[in-house]
Amino acid sequence: MQWNRLERTINKICLQNLNATMNIKKGCMKTEILELMEKRRLAKNEPTTYRQLQNSIKGKIKLGKEEWIEELCEEMENLDSKHEVFNMHKKLREVG
């Protein structure tokens, strides 16, 4: 009885205070890709759908990674042209 009440209270507080969003660890991983990954996980028992989702995920990851690297290179070149060595190295540490 008390345990159920405690569990409901904890769940209620968690829902109010915590975000339900997914963490994106790398800049190249977009929410669209994460959503496709979730769909792929749910389509485990359907081989054709799973394979189609897998191929589209691979393609989107490659494109996302290329865009992300291009963006980082532009930022680094921009900082280098402004002679902002400190910020350039700070950005480099964030990536690595």
N, C-alpha and C. Protein backbone atom coordinates (compact mmCIF):
# COMPACT_ATOMS: atom_id res chain seq x y z
N MET A 1 0.82 -1.19 0.00
CA MET A 1 0.00 0.00 0.00
C MET A 1 0.87 1.25 0.00
N GLN A 2 1.77 1.35 0.99
CA GLN A 2 2.62 2.53 1.06
C GLN A 2 3.60 2.58 -0.11
N TRP A 3 4.06 1.39 -0.52
CA TRP A 3 5.00 1.35 -1.63
C TRP A 3 4.36 1.89 -2.92
N ASN A 4 3.12 1.53 -3.16
CA ASN A 4 2.41 2.00 -4.36
C ASN A 4 2.25 3.51 -4.34
N ARG A 5 1.94 4.04 -3.17
CA ARG A 5 1.78 5.48 -3.03
C ARG A 5 3.11 6.19 -3.27
N LEU A 6 4.18 5.64 -2.72
CA LEU A 6 5.52 6.20 -2.91
C LEU A 6 5.92 6.15 -4.39
N GLU A 7 5.64 5.03 -5.03
CA GLU A 7 5.98 4.87 -6.44
C GLU A 7 5.22 5.89 -7.31
N ARG A 8 3.93 6.06 -7.06
CA ARG A 8 3.13 7.04 -7.81
C ARG A 8 3.67 8.45 -7.60
N THR A 9 4.03 8.77 -6.37
CA THR A 9 4.56 10.10 -6.07
C THR A 9 5.87 10.35 -6.80
N ILE A 10 6.75 9.37 -6.78
CA ILE A 10 8.04 9.50 -7.47
C ILE A 10 7.83 9.66 -8.97
N ASN A 11 6.96 8.85 -9.55
CA ASN A 11 6.68 8.95 -10.98
C ASN A 11 6.09 10.31 -11.35
N LYS A 12 5.20 10.81 -10.51
CA LYS A 12 4.57 12.10 -10.75
C LYS A 12 5.61 13.21 -10.74
N ILE A 13 6.50 13.19 -9.76
CA ILE A 13 7.55 14.20 -9.65
C ILE A 13 8.51 14.11 -10.83
N CYS A 14 8.86 12.89 -11.22
CA CYS A 14 9.77 12.71 -12.35
C CYS A 14 9.16 13.25 -13.64
N LEU A 15 7.89 12.98 -13.87
CA LEU A 15 7.24 13.47 -15.08
C LEU A 15 7.17 14.99 -15.10
N GLN A 16 7.01 15.60 -13.94
CA GLN A 16 6.93 17.05 -13.87
C GLN A 16 8.28 17.72 -14.08
N ASN A 17 9.34 17.11 -13.56
CA ASN A 17 10.63 17.79 -13.52
C ASN A 17 11.63 17.35 -14.58
N LEU A 18 11.50 16.14 -15.09
CA LEU A 18 12.49 15.63 -16.03
C LEU A 18 12.00 15.76 -17.45
N ASN A 19 12.95 16.00 -18.36
CA ASN A 19 12.62 16.06 -19.77
C ASN A 19 12.46 14.66 -20.32
N ALA A 20 11.55 14.51 -21.23
CA ALA A 20 11.34 13.21 -21.88
C ALA A 20 12.05 13.16 -23.23
N THR A 21 12.93 14.12 -23.48
CA THR A 21 13.62 14.15 -24.76
C THR A 21 14.82 13.22 -24.74
N MET A 22 15.23 12.81 -25.93
CA MET A 22 16.39 11.94 -26.04
C MET A 22 17.67 12.78 -26.04
N ASN A 23 18.69 12.25 -25.43
CA ASN A 23 19.98 12.92 -25.45
C ASN A 23 20.66 12.68 -26.78
N ILE A 24 21.15 13.75 -27.37
CA ILE A 24 21.92 13.62 -28.59
C ILE A 24 23.37 13.81 -28.20
N LYS A 25 24.16 12.76 -28.33
CA LYS A 25 25.53 12.81 -27.86
C LYS A 25 26.46 13.47 -28.86
N LYS A 26 26.23 13.26 -30.13
CA LYS A 26 27.06 13.87 -31.15
C LYS A 26 26.20 14.80 -31.99
N GLY A 27 26.83 15.81 -32.54
CA GLY A 27 26.10 16.78 -33.34
C GLY A 27 25.55 16.20 -34.62
N CYS A 28 26.14 15.11 -35.08
CA CYS A 28 25.69 14.51 -36.35
C CYS A 28 24.43 13.68 -36.17
N MET A 29 24.10 13.32 -34.96
CA MET A 29 22.90 12.51 -34.71
C MET A 29 21.70 13.44 -34.51
N LYS A 30 20.87 13.51 -35.50
CA LYS A 30 19.68 14.35 -35.44
C LYS A 30 18.53 13.57 -34.82
N THR A 31 17.52 14.29 -34.37
CA THR A 31 16.37 13.63 -33.76
C THR A 31 15.64 12.76 -34.78
N GLU A 32 15.69 13.16 -36.05
CA GLU A 32 15.05 12.36 -37.11
C GLU A 32 15.68 10.96 -37.17
N ILE A 33 16.99 10.90 -37.05
CA ILE A 33 17.70 9.62 -37.09
C ILE A 33 17.34 8.79 -35.86
N LEU A 34 17.27 9.43 -34.72
CA LEU A 34 16.92 8.70 -33.49
C LEU A 34 15.50 8.14 -33.56
N GLU A 35 14.59 8.91 -34.18
CA GLU A 35 13.22 8.42 -34.34
C GLU A 35 13.18 7.21 -35.28
N LEU A 36 13.98 7.27 -36.36
CA LEU A 36 14.05 6.13 -37.27
C LEU A 36 14.63 4.91 -36.56
N MET A 37 15.60 5.13 -35.69
CA MET A 37 16.19 4.02 -34.93
C MET A 37 15.14 3.37 -34.02
N GLU A 38 14.28 4.19 -33.46
CA GLU A 38 13.22 3.66 -32.61
C GLU A 38 12.23 2.83 -33.44
N LYS A 39 11.88 3.35 -34.64
CA LYS A 39 10.99 2.59 -35.53
C LYS A 39 11.64 1.26 -35.93
N ARG A 40 12.94 1.30 -36.19
CA ARG A 40 13.66 0.09 -36.57
C ARG A 40 13.62 -0.93 -35.43
N ARG A 41 13.78 -0.44 -34.21
CA ARG A 41 13.75 -1.33 -33.05
C ARG A 41 12.39 -2.00 -32.94
N LEU A 42 11.33 -1.26 -33.23
CA LEU A 42 9.98 -1.82 -33.14
C LEU A 42 9.68 -2.78 -34.29
N ALA A 43 10.40 -2.63 -35.41
CA ALA A 43 10.17 -3.49 -36.58
C ALA A 43 11.11 -4.68 -36.60
N LYS A 44 11.51 -5.14 -35.45
CA LYS A 44 12.46 -6.25 -35.34
C LYS A 44 11.97 -7.52 -36.03
N ASN A 45 10.69 -7.79 -35.94
CA ASN A 45 10.14 -9.04 -36.46
C ASN A 45 9.71 -8.96 -37.92
N GLU A 46 9.90 -7.81 -38.55
CA GLU A 46 9.55 -7.63 -39.96
C GLU A 46 10.84 -7.38 -40.75
N PRO A 47 11.43 -8.41 -41.34
CA PRO A 47 12.75 -8.28 -41.96
C PRO A 47 12.84 -7.24 -43.08
N THR A 48 11.83 -7.14 -43.93
CA THR A 48 11.92 -6.19 -45.05
C THR A 48 11.87 -4.75 -44.55
N THR A 49 10.95 -4.47 -43.64
CA THR A 49 10.84 -3.12 -43.07
C THR A 49 12.10 -2.77 -42.31
N TYR A 50 12.58 -3.72 -41.54
CA TYR A 50 13.80 -3.51 -40.75
C TYR A 50 14.97 -3.16 -41.67
N ARG A 51 15.13 -3.91 -42.77
CA ARG A 51 16.23 -3.68 -43.69
C ARG A 51 16.12 -2.31 -44.36
N GLN A 52 14.90 -1.93 -44.76
CA GLN A 52 14.69 -0.62 -45.37
C GLN A 52 15.05 0.50 -44.40
N LEU A 53 14.59 0.36 -43.16
CA LEU A 53 14.91 1.37 -42.15
C LEU A 53 16.40 1.42 -41.87
N GLN A 54 17.04 0.25 -41.82
CA GLN A 54 18.47 0.19 -41.56
C GLN A 54 19.25 0.92 -42.66
N ASN A 55 18.87 0.70 -43.92
CA ASN A 55 19.56 1.36 -45.03
C ASN A 55 19.35 2.87 -45.00
N SER A 56 18.13 3.31 -44.71
CA SER A 56 17.89 4.75 -44.66
C SER A 56 18.62 5.38 -43.48
N ILE A 57 18.71 4.68 -42.36
CA ILE A 57 19.44 5.20 -41.20
C ILE A 57 20.91 5.36 -41.53
N LYS A 58 21.50 4.35 -42.17
CA LYS A 58 22.91 4.44 -42.54
C LYS A 58 23.18 5.63 -43.44
N GLY A 59 22.30 5.83 -44.44
CA GLY A 59 22.47 6.96 -45.35
C GLY A 59 22.36 8.29 -44.65
N LYS A 60 21.36 8.41 -43.78
CA LYS A 60 21.16 9.68 -43.07
C LYS A 60 22.30 9.96 -42.10
N ILE A 61 22.85 8.92 -41.49
CA ILE A 61 23.99 9.11 -40.59
C ILE A 61 25.20 9.62 -41.37
N LYS A 62 25.45 9.04 -42.55
CA LYS A 62 26.58 9.49 -43.36
C LYS A 62 26.42 10.95 -43.76
N LEU A 63 25.22 11.31 -44.24
CA LEU A 63 24.97 12.69 -44.63
C LEU A 63 25.09 13.64 -43.43
N GLY A 64 24.51 13.23 -42.32
CA GLY A 64 24.57 14.06 -41.11
C GLY A 64 26.00 14.27 -40.64
N LYS A 65 26.80 13.21 -40.71
CA LYS A 65 28.20 13.31 -40.28
C LYS A 65 28.98 14.24 -41.19
N GLU A 66 28.74 14.14 -42.51
CA GLU A 66 29.41 15.03 -43.45
C GLU A 66 29.05 16.48 -43.19
N GLU A 67 27.76 16.75 -43.00
CA GLU A 67 27.31 18.12 -42.72
C GLU A 67 27.92 18.63 -41.43
N TRP A 68 27.95 17.78 -40.41
CA TRP A 68 28.49 18.17 -39.11
C TRP A 68 29.97 18.51 -39.21
N ILE A 69 30.72 17.68 -39.93
CA ILE A 69 32.16 17.92 -40.10
C ILE A 69 32.40 19.19 -40.89
N GLU A 70 31.61 19.41 -41.96
CA GLU A 70 31.74 20.64 -42.75
C GLU A 70 31.49 21.87 -41.87
N GLU A 71 30.46 21.80 -41.06
CA GLU A 71 30.12 22.91 -40.17
C GLU A 71 31.26 23.18 -39.18
N LEU A 72 31.81 22.12 -38.60
CA LEU A 72 32.92 22.28 -37.66
C LEU A 72 34.15 22.88 -38.34
N CYS A 73 34.43 22.41 -39.55
CA CYS A 73 35.59 22.94 -40.27
C CYS A 73 35.42 24.42 -40.57
N GLU A 74 34.21 24.81 -40.97
CA GLU A 74 33.95 26.23 -41.24
C GLU A 74 34.14 27.06 -39.97
N GLU A 75 33.63 26.55 -38.85
CA GLU A 75 33.79 27.28 -37.59
C GLU A 75 35.26 27.42 -37.21
N MET A 76 36.00 26.32 -37.37
CA MET A 76 37.43 26.34 -37.03
C MET A 76 38.19 27.31 -37.94
N GLU A 77 37.89 27.30 -39.24
CA GLU A 77 38.53 28.22 -40.16
C GLU A 77 38.17 29.66 -39.84
N ASN A 78 36.92 29.88 -39.46
CA ASN A 78 36.47 31.21 -39.08
C ASN A 78 37.23 31.71 -37.85
N LEU A 79 37.35 30.85 -36.85
CA LEU A 79 38.07 31.24 -35.64
C LEU A 79 39.55 31.45 -35.94
N ASP A 80 40.10 30.64 -36.82
CA ASP A 80 41.52 30.77 -37.18
C ASP A 80 41.76 32.08 -37.92
N SER A 81 40.85 32.46 -38.80
CA SER A 81 41.02 33.70 -39.55
C SER A 81 40.91 34.93 -38.64
N LYS A 82 40.18 34.79 -37.55
CA LYS A 82 40.06 35.89 -36.58
C LYS A 82 41.17 35.85 -35.54
N HIS A 83 42.06 34.85 -35.65
CA HIS A 83 43.17 34.66 -34.71
C HIS A 83 42.69 34.43 -33.28
N GLU A 84 41.57 33.72 -33.16
CA GLU A 84 41.03 33.37 -31.85
C GLU A 84 41.49 31.95 -31.50
N VAL A 85 42.75 31.84 -31.14
CA VAL A 85 43.36 30.53 -30.90
C VAL A 85 42.72 29.85 -29.69
N PHE A 86 42.43 30.61 -28.66
CA PHE A 86 41.83 30.04 -27.45
C PHE A 86 40.50 29.38 -27.76
N ASN A 87 39.61 30.11 -28.45
CA ASN A 87 38.29 29.57 -28.79
C ASN A 87 38.40 28.41 -29.78
N MET A 88 39.39 28.47 -30.67
CA MET A 88 39.59 27.40 -31.63
C MET A 88 39.96 26.11 -30.90
N HIS A 89 40.87 26.19 -29.95
CA HIS A 89 41.27 25.01 -29.19
C HIS A 89 40.13 24.53 -28.29
N LYS A 90 39.34 25.47 -27.78
CA LYS A 90 38.18 25.10 -26.97
C LYS A 90 37.19 24.28 -27.80
N LYS A 91 36.94 24.72 -29.02
CA LYS A 91 36.04 24.00 -29.92
C LYS A 91 36.62 22.62 -30.27
N LEU A 92 37.92 22.57 -30.46
CA LEU A 92 38.59 21.31 -30.78
C LEU A 92 38.44 20.31 -29.63
N ARG A 93 38.56 20.79 -28.40
CA ARG A 93 38.40 19.92 -27.23
C ARG A 93 36.96 19.42 -27.11
N GLU A 94 35.98 20.26 -27.49
CA GLU A 94 34.58 19.85 -27.44
C GLU A 94 34.32 18.68 -28.38
N VAL A 95 34.94 18.74 -29.55
CA VAL A 95 34.73 17.70 -30.56
C VAL A 95 35.39 16.41 -30.15
N GLY A 96 36.61 16.49 -29.65
CA GLY A 96 37.38 15.29 -29.31
C GLY A 96 36.90 14.69 -28.07
